[in-house]
Protein backbone atom coordinates (compact mmCIF):
# COMPACT_ATOMS: atom_id res chain seq x y z
CA MET A 1 -8.10 4.70 -20.02
CA GLN A 2 -11.25 4.71 -22.14
CA ASP A 3 -11.30 3.28 -25.60
CA CYS A 4 -13.64 2.03 -28.29
CA HIS A 5 -12.96 -0.99 -30.43
CA PRO A 6 -13.77 -0.60 -34.15
CA ASP A 7 -15.74 -3.86 -34.20
CA ASP A 8 -17.78 -2.91 -31.12
CA VAL A 9 -18.80 0.65 -31.95
CA ASP A 10 -21.51 0.82 -29.27
CA TRP A 11 -19.16 -0.42 -26.53
CA THR A 12 -16.67 1.66 -24.52
CA TYR A 13 -13.85 -0.02 -22.60
CA SER A 14 -12.36 1.29 -19.37
CA ILE A 15 -9.11 -0.21 -18.01
CA THR A 16 -8.08 0.61 -14.44
CA GLU A 17 -5.14 -0.70 -12.45
CA VAL A 18 -6.86 -1.50 -9.14
CA SER A 19 -3.75 -2.89 -7.42
CA ALA A 20 -0.15 -3.56 -8.41
CA ASN A 21 -0.41 -5.49 -11.71
CA VAL A 22 -4.14 -6.18 -11.21
CA TYR A 23 -6.49 -4.61 -13.72
CA MET A 24 -10.23 -4.18 -13.98
CA VAL A 25 -11.71 -3.91 -17.45
CA ARG A 26 -15.24 -2.59 -17.80
CA ALA A 27 -17.05 -2.77 -21.11
CA PHE A 28 -20.13 -0.54 -21.33
CA ASP A 29 -22.77 -0.65 -24.08
CA ARG A 30 -23.82 2.96 -24.65
CA ARG A 31 -26.90 1.84 -26.56
CA SER A 32 -28.49 -0.57 -24.05
CA GLY A 33 -26.69 0.29 -20.80
CA ARG A 34 -25.34 -3.24 -20.34
CA SER A 35 -21.87 -3.68 -18.88
CA ILE A 36 -19.29 -6.39 -18.30
CA GLU A 37 -16.50 -6.21 -15.72
CA MET A 38 -13.49 -8.51 -15.43
CA THR A 39 -10.43 -8.42 -13.20
CA GLY A 40 -7.04 -10.02 -13.82
CA ALA A 41 -3.35 -9.53 -14.51
CA ASP A 42 -3.40 -8.94 -18.29
CA PRO A 43 -5.64 -6.12 -19.53
CA ASP A 44 -5.33 -7.25 -23.18
CA VAL A 45 -6.64 -10.70 -22.29
CA LEU A 46 -9.45 -9.15 -20.26
CA VAL A 47 -10.53 -6.96 -23.19
CA ALA A 48 -10.46 -10.00 -25.49
CA GLU A 49 -12.61 -11.95 -23.00
CA CYS A 50 -15.08 -9.07 -22.77
CA ARG A 51 -15.29 -8.92 -26.57
CA ARG A 52 -15.89 -12.68 -26.72
CA ASP A 53 -18.67 -12.42 -24.14
CA ILE A 54 -20.25 -9.56 -26.10
CA ARG A 55 -20.24 -11.60 -29.32
CA GLU A 56 -21.68 -14.64 -27.53
CA SER A 57 -24.37 -12.66 -25.70
CA PRO A 58 -27.90 -13.88 -26.48
CA MET A 59 -29.04 -10.24 -26.73
CA ASP A 60 -26.45 -9.47 -29.40
CA ARG A 61 -27.25 -12.62 -31.36
CA GLU A 62 -30.95 -11.68 -31.33
CA SER A 63 -30.24 -8.13 -32.56
CA ASP A 64 -27.96 -9.54 -35.30
CA ARG A 65 -30.80 -11.80 -36.49
CA SER A 66 -33.21 -8.84 -36.52
CA ALA A 67 -30.81 -6.71 -38.53
CA THR A 68 -30.25 -9.39 -41.17
CA SER A 69 -33.94 -10.26 -41.46
CA ASN A 70 -34.80 -6.59 -42.10
CA ASN A 71 -32.41 -6.34 -45.05
């Protein structure tokens, strides 16, 4: 399954069941090419953890500062 989250418009999420009740979530930033992969039993939790890591990423914080300073 591929999906986009409305708050992360540049990121695409892929959820794959890699074994019985074991999921891999891959978040891919279409703009920069960065990606995050996580594996676990609950795909919703994995997506939430990916989103948290994206928000806490130093690269994203730097781009947020640039965007607000240009306004």
